[in-house]
Amino acid sequence: YRDGKQFNNIQDLHSAILVAWSSITPENLIKYVNGMQKRMIDVVKERGDKINK
């Protein structure tokens, strides 16, 4: 739970997800997509183990 926040019901959780989702910018999406190939290569190198990125 981010910042120690817990939700009392599904509706509160759903609302928080929608707010977080709407805050993602197209620039963020491009950055995440562009970084995915390197991250997947790192996962393969670690044989599926976690990576610290």
PDB file of N, CA and C in Angstrom:
ATOM      1  N   TYR A   1       0.842  -1.178   0.000  1.00  0.00           N
ATOM      2  CA  TYR A   1       0.000   0.000   0.000  1.00  0.00           C
ATOM      3  C   TYR A   1       0.883   1.236   0.000  1.00  0.00           C
ATOM      4  N   ARG A   2       0.707   2.044  -0.985  1.00  0.00           N
ATOM      5  CA  ARG A   2       1.539   3.229  -1.129  1.00  0.00           C
ATOM      6  C   ARG A   2       1.309   4.192   0.022  1.00  0.00           C
ATOM      7  N   ASP A   3       2.387   4.702   0.577  1.00  0.00           N
ATOM      8  CA  ASP A   3       2.336   5.672   1.675  1.00  0.00           C
ATOM      9  C   ASP A   3       1.518   5.158   2.853  1.00  0.00           C
ATOM     10  N   GLY A   4       1.480   3.848   3.046  1.00  0.00           N
ATOM     11  CA  GLY A   4       0.743   3.269   4.158  1.00  0.00           C
ATOM     12  C   GLY A   4      -0.760   3.342   4.003  1.00  0.00           C
ATOM     13  N   LYS A   5      -1.237   3.688   2.819  1.00  0.00           N
ATOM     14  CA  LYS A   5      -2.671   3.839   2.578  1.00  0.00           C
ATOM     15  C   LYS A   5      -3.319   2.479   2.382  1.00  0.00           C
ATOM     16  N   GLN A   6      -4.369   2.236   3.133  1.00  0.00           N
ATOM     17  CA  GLN A   6      -5.188   1.049   2.937  1.00  0.00           C
ATOM     18  C   GLN A   6      -6.600   1.519   2.630  1.00  0.00           C
ATOM     19  N   PHE A   7      -7.320   0.733   1.888  1.00  0.00           N
ATOM     20  CA  PHE A   7      -8.649   1.132   1.454  1.00  0.00           C
ATOM     21  C   PHE A   7      -9.704   0.342   2.205  1.00  0.00           C
ATOM     22  N   ASN A   8     -10.770   1.034   2.554  1.00  0.00           N
ATOM     23  CA  ASN A   8     -11.834   0.418   3.343  1.00  0.00           C
ATOM     24  C   ASN A   8     -12.779  -0.431   2.506  1.00  0.00           C
ATOM     25  N   ASN A   9     -12.826  -0.151   1.208  1.00  0.00           N
ATOM     26  CA  ASN A   9     -13.737  -0.907   0.352  1.00  0.00           C
ATOM     27  C   ASN A   9     -13.232  -0.872  -1.088  1.00  0.00           C
ATOM     28  N   ILE A  10     -13.865  -1.666  -1.903  1.00  0.00           N
ATOM     29  CA  ILE A  10     -13.469  -1.784  -3.308  1.00  0.00           C
ATOM     30  C   ILE A  10     -13.654  -0.466  -4.044  1.00  0.00           C
ATOM     31  N   GLN A  11     -14.709   0.262  -3.744  1.00  0.00           N
ATOM     32  CA  GLN A  11     -14.965   1.525  -4.438  1.00  0.00           C
ATOM     33  C   GLN A  11     -13.848   2.534  -4.179  1.00  0.00           C
ATOM     34  N   ASP A  12     -13.375   2.629  -2.946  1.00  0.00           N
ATOM     35  CA  ASP A  12     -12.269   3.545  -2.645  1.00  0.00           C
ATOM     36  C   ASP A  12     -10.999   3.129  -3.387  1.00  0.00           C
ATOM     37  N   LEU A  13     -10.739   1.837  -3.424  1.00  0.00           N
ATOM     38  CA  LEU A  13      -9.580   1.328  -4.162  1.00  0.00           C
ATOM     39  C   LEU A  13      -9.728   1.631  -5.649  1.00  0.00           C
ATOM     40  N   HIS A  14     -10.895   1.380  -6.182  1.00  0.00           N
ATOM     41  CA  HIS A  14     -11.159   1.638  -7.599  1.00  0.00           C
ATOM     42  C   HIS A  14     -10.943   3.110  -7.925  1.00  0.00           C
ATOM     43  N   SER A  15     -11.438   3.992  -7.092  1.00  0.00           N
ATOM     44  CA  SER A  15     -11.264   5.433  -7.313  1.00  0.00           C
ATOM     45  C   SER A  15      -9.791   5.822  -7.291  1.00  0.00           C
ATOM     46  N   ALA A  16      -9.036   5.268  -6.356  1.00  0.00           N
ATOM     47  CA  ALA A  16      -7.605   5.577  -6.266  1.00  0.00           C
ATOM     48  C   ALA A  16      -6.864   5.074  -7.504  1.00  0.00           C
ATOM     49  N   ILE A  17      -7.259   3.920  -8.001  1.00  0.00           N
ATOM     50  CA  ILE A  17      -6.631   3.384  -9.213  1.00  0.00           C
ATOM     51  C   ILE A  17      -6.905   4.297 -10.399  1.00  0.00           C
ATOM     52  N   LEU A  18      -8.138   4.770 -10.527  1.00  0.00           N
ATOM     53  CA  LEU A  18      -8.481   5.665 -11.635  1.00  0.00           C
ATOM     54  C   LEU A  18      -7.701   6.973 -11.567  1.00  0.00           C
ATOM     55  N   VAL A  19      -7.531   7.511 -10.372  1.00  0.00           N
ATOM     56  CA  VAL A  19      -6.756   8.744 -10.213  1.00  0.00           C
ATOM     57  C   VAL A  19      -5.302   8.501 -10.612  1.00  0.00           C
ATOM     58  N   ALA A  20      -4.733   7.401 -10.130  1.00  0.00           N
ATOM     59  CA  ALA A  20      -3.341   7.083 -10.466  1.00  0.00           C
ATOM     60  C   ALA A  20      -3.193   6.853 -11.966  1.00  0.00           C
ATOM     61  N   TRP A  21      -4.125   6.129 -12.553  1.00  0.00           N
ATOM     62  CA  TRP A  21      -4.061   5.832 -13.986  1.00  0.00           C
ATOM     63  C   TRP A  21      -4.111   7.113 -14.806  1.00  0.00           C
ATOM     64  N   SER A  22      -4.976   8.042 -14.412  1.00  0.00           N
ATOM     65  CA  SER A  22      -5.121   9.282 -15.180  1.00  0.00           C
ATOM     66  C   SER A  22      -3.905  10.193 -15.045  1.00  0.00           C
ATOM     67  N   SER A  23      -3.071   9.942 -14.054  1.00  0.00           N
ATOM     68  CA  SER A  23      -1.885  10.781 -13.868  1.00  0.00           C
ATOM     69  C   SER A  23      -0.700  10.326 -14.723  1.00  0.00           C
ATOM     70  N   ILE A  24      -0.822   9.179 -15.381  1.00  0.00           N
ATOM     71  CA  ILE A  24       0.255   8.683 -16.240  1.00  0.00           C
ATOM     72  C   ILE A  24       0.233   9.468 -17.546  1.00  0.00           C
ATOM     73  N   THR A  25       1.358  10.072 -17.868  1.00  0.00           N
ATOM     74  CA  THR A  25       1.439  10.897 -19.074  1.00  0.00           C
ATOM     75  C   THR A  25       1.912  10.061 -20.266  1.00  0.00           C
ATOM     76  N   PRO A  26       1.636  10.522 -21.475  1.00  0.00           N
ATOM     77  CA  PRO A  26       2.169   9.828 -22.653  1.00  0.00           C
ATOM     78  C   PRO A  26       3.697   9.732 -22.615  1.00  0.00           C
ATOM     79  N   GLU A  27       4.343  10.753 -22.084  1.00  0.00           N
ATOM     80  CA  GLU A  27       5.806  10.727 -21.975  1.00  0.00           C
ATOM     81  C   GLU A  27       6.265   9.603 -21.051  1.00  0.00           C
ATOM     82  N   ASN A  28       5.539   9.397 -19.936  1.00  0.00           N
ATOM     83  CA  ASN A  28       5.866   8.290 -19.039  1.00  0.00           C
ATOM     84  C   ASN A  28       5.728   6.957 -19.758  1.00  0.00           C
ATOM     85  N   LEU A  29       4.652   6.792 -20.500  1.00  0.00           N
ATOM     86  CA  LEU A  29       4.430   5.536 -21.214  1.00  0.00           C
ATOM     87  C   LEU A  29       5.548   5.255 -22.202  1.00  0.00           C
ATOM     88  N   ILE A  30       5.955   6.270 -22.934  1.00  0.00           N
ATOM     89  CA  ILE A  30       7.051   6.103 -23.895  1.00  0.00           C
ATOM     90  C   ILE A  30       8.329   5.692 -23.174  1.00  0.00           C
ATOM     91  N   LYS A  31       8.610   6.337 -22.047  1.00  0.00           N
ATOM     92  CA  LYS A  31       9.809   6.008 -21.271  1.00  0.00           C
ATOM     93  C   LYS A  31       9.766   4.556 -20.795  1.00  0.00           C
ATOM     94  N   TYR A  32       8.625   4.119 -20.285  1.00  0.00           N
ATOM     95  CA  TYR A  32       8.503   2.753 -19.781  1.00  0.00           C
ATOM     96  C   TYR A  32       8.643   1.731 -20.904  1.00  0.00           C
ATOM     97  N   VAL A  33       7.995   1.996 -22.027  1.00  0.00           N
ATOM     98  CA  VAL A  33       8.073   1.069 -23.160  1.00  0.00           C
ATOM     99  C   VAL A  33       9.499   0.996 -23.690  1.00  0.00           C
ATOM    100  N   ASN A  34      10.151   2.132 -23.811  1.00  0.00           N
ATOM    101  CA  ASN A  34      11.521   2.147 -24.328  1.00  0.00           C
ATOM    102  C   ASN A  34      12.497   1.426 -23.407  1.00  0.00           C
ATOM    103  N   GLY A  35      12.232   1.373 -22.123  1.00  0.00           N
ATOM    104  CA  GLY A  35      13.115   0.697 -21.185  1.00  0.00           C
ATOM    105  C   GLY A  35      12.835  -0.785 -21.025  1.00  0.00           C
ATOM    106  N   MET A  36      11.729  -1.260 -21.601  1.00  0.00           N
ATOM    107  CA  MET A  36      11.309  -2.641 -21.371  1.00  0.00           C
ATOM    108  C   MET A  36      12.263  -3.665 -21.986  1.00  0.00           C
ATOM    109  N   GLN A  37      12.789  -3.411 -23.175  1.00  0.00           N
ATOM    110  CA  GLN A  37      13.668  -4.389 -23.815  1.00  0.00           C
ATOM    111  C   GLN A  37      14.895  -4.675 -22.950  1.00  0.00           C
ATOM    112  N   LYS A  38      15.538  -3.642 -22.431  1.00  0.00           N
ATOM    113  CA  LYS A  38      16.719  -3.846 -21.584  1.00  0.00           C
ATOM    114  C   LYS A  38      16.347  -4.604 -20.314  1.00  0.00           C
ATOM    115  N   ARG A  39      15.208  -4.276 -19.736  1.00  0.00           N
ATOM    116  CA  ARG A  39      14.786  -4.961 -18.511  1.00  0.00           C
ATOM    117  C   ARG A  39      14.546  -6.448 -18.767  1.00  0.00           C
ATOM    118  N   MET A  40      13.945  -6.771 -19.898  1.00  0.00           N
ATOM    119  CA  MET A  40      13.686  -8.177 -20.219  1.00  0.00           C
ATOM    120  C   MET A  40      14.990  -8.927 -20.467  1.00  0.00           C
ATOM    121  N   ILE A  41      15.944  -8.282 -21.104  1.00  0.00           N
ATOM    122  CA  ILE A  41      17.265  -8.891 -21.303  1.00  0.00           C
ATOM    123  C   ILE A  41      17.912  -9.156 -19.948  1.00  0.00           C
ATOM    124  N   ASP A  42      17.798  -8.207 -19.030  1.00  0.00           N
ATOM    125  CA  ASP A  42      18.359  -8.390 -17.686  1.00  0.00           C
ATOM    126  C   ASP A  42      17.689  -9.557 -16.960  1.00  0.00           C
ATOM    127  N   VAL A  43      16.381  -9.710 -17.118  1.00  0.00           N
ATOM    128  CA  VAL A  43      15.662 -10.824 -16.486  1.00  0.00           C
ATOM    129  C   VAL A  43      16.157 -12.154 -17.049  1.00  0.00           C
ATOM    130  N   VAL A  44      16.334 -12.220 -18.357  1.00  0.00           N
ATOM    131  CA  VAL A  44      16.838 -13.453 -18.978  1.00  0.00           C
ATOM    132  C   VAL A  44      18.239 -13.760 -18.465  1.00  0.00           C
ATOM    133  N   LYS A  45      19.093 -12.746 -18.378  1.00  0.00           N
ATOM    134  CA  LYS A  45      20.454 -12.951 -17.862  1.00  0.00           C
ATOM    135  C   LYS A  45      20.429 -13.482 -16.435  1.00  0.00           C
ATOM    136  N   GLU A  46      19.441 -13.047 -15.659  1.00  0.00           N
ATOM    137  CA  GLU A  46      19.325 -13.497 -14.267  1.00  0.00           C
ATOM    138  C   GLU A  46      18.493 -14.773 -14.146  1.00  0.00           C
ATOM    139  N   ARG A  47      18.173 -15.373 -15.295  1.00  0.00           N
ATOM    140  CA  ARG A  47      17.393 -16.616 -15.344  1.00  0.00           C
ATOM    141  C   ARG A  47      16.062 -16.489 -14.609  1.00  0.00           C
ATOM    142  N   GLY A  48      15.419 -15.361 -14.823  1.00  0.00           N
ATOM    143  CA  GLY A  48      14.094 -15.145 -14.253  1.00  0.00           C
ATOM    144  C   GLY A  48      14.090 -14.590 -12.845  1.00  0.00           C
ATOM    145  N   ASP A  49      15.270 -14.459 -12.255  1.00  0.00           N
ATOM    146  CA  ASP A  49      15.338 -13.913 -10.902  1.00  0.00           C
ATOM    147  C   ASP A  49      15.083 -12.412 -10.952  1.00  0.00           C
ATOM    148  N   LYS A  50      14.909 -11.816  -9.796  1.00  0.00           N
ATOM    149  CA  LYS A  50      14.612 -10.384  -9.759  1.00  0.00           C
ATOM    150  C   LYS A  50      15.816  -9.569 -10.218  1.00  0.00           C
ATOM    151  N   ILE A  51      15.516  -8.400 -10.732  1.00  0.00           N
ATOM    152  CA  ILE A  51      16.558  -7.461 -11.138  1.00  0.00           C
ATOM    153  C   ILE A  51      16.373  -6.196 -10.315  1.00  0.00           C
ATOM    154  N   ASN A  52      17.441  -5.497 -10.089  1.00  0.00           N
ATOM    155  CA  ASN A  52      17.389  -4.276  -9.281  1.00  0.00           C
ATOM    156  C   ASN A  52      17.541  -3.074 -10.184  1.00  0.00           C
ATOM    157  N   LYS A  53      16.441  -2.618 -10.726  1.00  0.00           N
ATOM    158  CA  LYS A  53      16.466  -1.453 -11.608  1.00  0.00           C
ATOM    159  C   LYS A  53      15.450  -0.456 -11.128  1.00  0.00           C
TER     160      LYS A  53
END
